[in-house]
Protein backbone atom coordinates (compact mmCIF):
# COMPACT_ATOMS: atom_id res chain seq x y z
CA UNK A 1 -0.18 -0.03 0.04
CA UNK A 2 1.86 3.23 -1.40
CA UNK A 3 -0.39 5.40 0.32
CA UNK A 4 0.99 5.02 3.85
CA UNK A 5 4.48 6.15 2.58
CA UNK A 6 2.55 9.15 0.45
CA UNK A 7 0.25 10.02 3.53
CA UNK A 8 3.21 9.81 5.91
CA UNK A 9 5.12 12.28 3.66
CA UNK A 10 2.01 14.58 3.50
CA UNK A 11 1.76 14.82 7.05
CA UNK A 12 5.90 15.30 7.82
CA UNK A 13 5.17 18.15 5.20
CA UNK A 14 2.22 19.62 7.20
CA UNK A 15 4.05 19.60 10.75
CA UNK A 16 7.19 21.17 9.07
CA UNK A 17 5.53 23.79 7.59
CA UNK A 18 2.78 24.75 10.33
CA UNK A 19 2.58 25.80 14.07
CA UNK A 20 -0.25 24.87 16.21
CA UNK A 21 -2.86 22.22 16.27
CA UNK A 22 -4.51 21.55 12.39
CA UNK A 23 -8.03 21.88 12.57
CA UNK A 24 -8.64 20.51 8.61
CA UNK A 25 -6.43 19.53 5.73
CA UNK A 26 -7.94 19.59 2.37
CA UNK A 27 -5.82 17.35 -0.21
CA UNK A 28 -6.57 17.25 -4.12
CA UNK A 29 -6.50 13.97 -5.63
CA UNK A 30 -6.29 13.28 -9.16
CA UNK A 31 -8.39 9.84 -9.85
CA UNK A 32 -5.38 9.07 -12.55
CA UNK A 33 -2.74 9.46 -9.52
CA UNK A 34 -3.24 6.07 -8.50
CA UNK A 35 -3.91 6.74 -4.90
CA UNK A 36 -7.12 4.93 -3.53
CA UNK A 37 -8.80 8.18 -1.37
CA UNK A 38 -10.30 5.80 1.13
CA UNK A 39 -6.83 4.16 1.70
CA UNK A 40 -5.39 7.96 2.38
CA UNK A 41 -8.14 8.94 4.60
CA UNK A 42 -7.37 5.47 6.41
CA UNK A 43 -3.59 5.94 6.45
CA UNK A 44 -3.89 9.67 7.59
CA UNK A 45 -5.89 8.58 10.65
CA UNK A 46 -2.74 6.62 11.67
CA UNK A 47 0.21 8.89 10.31
CA UNK A 48 -1.48 11.57 12.67
CA UNK A 49 -1.57 9.86 15.83
CA UNK A 50 0.33 11.69 18.62
CA UNK A 51 0.54 14.41 16.17
CA UNK A 52 -0.43 18.27 15.98
CA UNK A 53 -2.85 16.32 13.39
CA UNK A 54 -4.55 13.98 15.22
CA UNK A 55 -8.11 14.53 15.18
CA UNK A 56 -7.75 16.88 12.33
CA UNK A 57 -10.52 16.64 9.40
CA UNK A 58 -9.40 15.12 6.16
CA UNK A 59 -11.44 16.59 3.15
CA UNK A 60 -10.83 15.26 -0.35
CA UNK A 61 -11.28 16.61 -3.45
CA UNK A 62 -11.04 14.22 -6.27
CA UNK A 63 -10.49 15.54 -9.97
CA UNK A 64 -11.13 13.76 -12.77
CA UNK A 65 -8.76 12.48 -15.61
CA UNK A 66 -8.84 14.72 -18.57
CA UNK A 67 -6.84 14.39 -21.93
CA UNK A 68 -6.19 15.92 -25.66
CA UNK A 69 -5.88 13.69 -27.93
CA UNK A 70 -3.06 14.32 -30.26
CA UNK A 71 -4.37 12.63 -33.58
CA UNK A 72 -7.79 14.39 -33.38
CA UNK A 73 -7.27 17.20 -31.37
CA UNK A 74 -10.45 16.38 -28.95
CA UNK A 75 -10.32 17.06 -25.25
CA UNK A 76 -12.65 14.74 -23.11
CA UNK A 77 -12.86 13.15 -19.31
CA UNK A 78 -11.12 10.04 -19.11
CA UNK A 79 -12.98 7.68 -16.75
CA UNK A 80 -10.30 5.23 -15.56
CA UNK A 81 -6.64 4.75 -16.40
CA UNK A 82 -7.23 3.22 -19.59
CA UNK A 83 -6.52 6.18 -22.28
CA UNK A 84 -7.94 6.05 -25.42
CA UNK A 85 -9.97 8.48 -27.64
CA UNK A 86 -13.46 8.00 -29.23
CA UNK A 87 -11.35 8.30 -32.39
CA UNK A 88 -9.52 5.08 -31.55
CA UNK A 89 -6.21 6.60 -31.24
CA UNK A 90 -4.37 6.22 -27.59
CA UNK A 91 -2.08 8.67 -28.65
CA UNK A 92 -2.84 11.28 -25.52
CA UNK A 93 -1.69 14.25 -23.62
CA UNK A 94 -2.78 14.25 -20.02
CA UNK A 95 -3.97 17.17 -18.95
CA UNK A 96 -4.84 16.96 -15.20
CA UNK A 97 -6.19 13.91 -13.08
CA UNK A 98 -2.64 13.11 -11.98
CA UNK A 99 -2.56 15.92 -9.16
CA UNK A 100 -1.64 15.25 -5.34
CA UNK A 101 -1.26 18.22 -3.58
CA UNK A 102 -2.48 20.06 0.06
CA UNK A 103 -4.91 22.83 -1.21
CA UNK A 104 -5.59 24.34 2.52
CA UNK A 105 -4.37 23.58 6.05
CA UNK A 106 -6.54 24.96 9.06
CA UNK A 107 -4.82 26.03 11.56
CA UNK A 108 -6.37 26.44 15.45
CA UNK A 109 -5.71 30.15 16.51
């Protein structure tokens, strides 16, 4: 489960940059990132135990995958990790959906 090591890194990054007790963390996770949001949520609870993030709410915004076909120039949503345009081409440029970023951290004042 790579979500555990990634979540550990996210928690460490927040702890290094934010002072005070954290109330809410908002993550953006693209559907093509290879991460399972529910697994990240589970790991977050484990990784925050005994830290200033323990008990913090975790909000996850899931972004759909989007691609542009280099054969027909059509832009479309990718429902899964199998990239294929309606024209039959697999020659695509991924536009979004691979993101993993910390969007917002709310700290108790």
